[in-house]
Amino acid sequence: PVPARAPHLPERLVEAAGIRMDLQARRVWRGTRELELTRTEFELLELLVRNAGIVLDHSTIYDRIWGYDFGPGSKNLAVYVGYLRRKLDAPGAPQLIHTVRGVGYVLRED
């Protein structure tokens, strides 16, 4: 007989650049500090954490988070990145979300 397989459990924790995310409980920490994020902020941060060190272009982020590209004139993504930066970046701590001009954003520790 074939041994029974354990049921496939969804990935629960993702980590990068000092950020820890519990995907099932929808909780986020930078170091020991827990952050309160909206649904969109959480999804955007999850995308950046899963792709840490990789520059994600604007259209990829729009497609993954909102399901469509708002177009080159939209400031929607920049606004949400600003919200995340304010919540993530403690005074004296290095910035984690970096802008790559004309391309997109990347999560990395410098």
Protein backbone atom coordinates (compact mmCIF):
# COMPACT_ATOMS: atom_id res chain seq x y z
CA PRO A 1 0.00 0.00 0.00
CA VAL A 2 1.04 3.58 -0.67
CA PRO A 3 1.65 5.57 2.53
CA ALA A 4 -0.86 8.31 3.20
CA ARG A 5 0.47 11.75 2.39
CA ALA A 6 0.15 14.60 4.80
CA PRO A 7 -2.33 17.15 3.48
CA HIS A 8 -0.61 20.01 1.68
CA LEU A 9 -0.56 22.93 4.05
CA PRO A 10 -0.45 26.41 2.59
CA GLU A 11 2.73 28.36 3.19
CA ARG A 12 2.27 30.25 6.41
CA LEU A 13 5.39 32.34 7.06
CA VAL A 14 7.50 34.40 4.68
CA GLU A 15 10.53 36.45 5.71
CA ALA A 16 12.98 38.85 4.09
CA ALA A 17 15.00 41.92 5.05
CA GLY A 18 13.97 41.69 8.71
CA ILE A 19 10.25 41.49 7.88
CA ARG A 20 8.27 38.46 9.01
CA MET A 21 4.76 37.81 7.69
CA ASP A 22 2.22 35.29 8.96
CA LEU A 23 0.07 34.89 5.85
CA GLN A 24 -2.75 32.96 7.52
CA ALA A 25 -3.12 35.27 10.53
CA ARG A 26 -2.35 38.30 8.31
CA ARG A 27 0.17 39.65 10.83
CA VAL A 28 3.44 41.46 10.06
CA TRP A 29 6.53 42.29 12.11
CA ARG A 30 9.65 44.31 11.41
CA GLY A 31 12.03 42.93 13.99
CA THR A 32 9.95 42.72 17.18
CA ARG A 33 7.55 45.53 16.22
CA GLU A 34 4.16 44.40 14.92
CA LEU A 35 2.67 46.52 12.14
CA GLU A 36 -0.98 47.26 11.38
CA LEU A 37 -1.55 47.08 7.62
CA THR A 38 -4.60 47.41 5.39
CA ARG A 39 -5.46 44.55 3.02
CA THR A 40 -3.82 46.28 0.06
CA GLU A 41 -0.71 47.21 2.06
CA PHE A 42 -0.41 43.60 3.25
CA GLU A 43 -0.70 42.21 -0.28
CA LEU A 44 1.82 44.71 -1.64
CA LEU A 45 4.30 43.93 1.14
CA GLU A 46 3.82 40.18 0.64
CA LEU A 47 4.64 40.57 -3.07
CA LEU A 48 7.79 42.56 -2.23
CA VAL A 49 8.89 40.12 0.51
CA ARG A 50 8.39 37.07 -1.74
CA ASN A 51 10.49 38.80 -4.41
CA ALA A 52 13.07 40.42 -2.12
CA GLY A 53 16.11 41.64 -4.03
CA ILE A 54 14.23 41.56 -7.36
CA VAL A 55 13.11 44.81 -8.98
CA LEU A 56 9.38 44.55 -9.71
CA ASP A 57 8.15 46.86 -12.45
CA HIS A 58 5.05 49.00 -12.02
CA SER A 59 2.84 46.98 -14.39
CA THR A 60 3.70 43.68 -12.66
CA ILE A 61 2.80 45.13 -9.27
CA TYR A 62 -0.44 46.69 -10.56
CA ASP A 63 -1.44 43.40 -12.19
CA ARG A 64 -0.70 41.29 -9.10
CA ILE A 65 -2.28 43.63 -6.54
CA TRP A 66 -5.16 45.29 -8.39
CA GLY A 67 -5.62 42.97 -11.38
CA TYR A 68 -4.96 45.67 -13.99
CA ASP A 69 -2.52 48.47 -14.80
CA PHE A 70 -3.74 51.98 -13.94
CA GLY A 71 -1.49 53.44 -16.63
CA PRO A 72 1.61 55.62 -16.51
CA GLY A 73 -0.13 58.67 -15.02
CA SER A 74 -1.41 56.88 -11.93
CA LYS A 75 0.06 57.67 -8.53
CA ASN A 76 -1.88 54.85 -6.82
CA LEU A 77 1.15 52.58 -6.40
CA ALA A 78 3.40 55.42 -5.18
CA VAL A 79 0.78 56.32 -2.57
CA TYR A 80 0.65 52.75 -1.20
CA VAL A 81 4.44 52.46 -1.20
CA GLY A 82 4.50 55.70 0.81
CA TYR A 83 2.02 54.26 3.33
CA LEU A 84 4.15 51.12 3.68
CA ARG A 85 7.38 53.08 4.09
CA ARG A 86 5.86 55.18 6.88
CA LYS A 87 4.72 52.04 8.71
CA LEU A 88 7.90 50.00 8.09
CA ASP A 89 10.67 52.50 8.58
CA ALA A 90 11.44 53.22 12.22
CA PRO A 91 13.61 56.27 12.99
CA GLY A 92 17.26 55.36 12.47
CA ALA A 93 16.43 52.06 10.75
CA PRO A 94 17.46 51.61 7.11
CA GLN A 95 14.80 52.06 4.45
CA LEU A 96 13.68 48.71 3.02
CA ILE A 97 11.56 49.62 -0.03
CA HIS A 98 13.70 51.26 -2.68
CA THR A 99 12.51 53.10 -5.79
CA VAL A 100 14.19 52.14 -9.06
CA ARG A 101 13.45 55.23 -11.15
CA GLY A 102 11.47 54.55 -14.30
CA VAL A 103 11.16 50.85 -13.44
CA GLY A 104 9.52 49.99 -10.12
CA TYR A 105 10.36 48.97 -6.57
CA VAL A 106 12.57 46.49 -4.74
CA LEU A 107 12.68 45.30 -1.13
CA ARG A 108 16.22 44.98 0.20
CA GLU A 109 18.41 45.85 3.15
CA ASP A 110 21.33 48.10 2.25
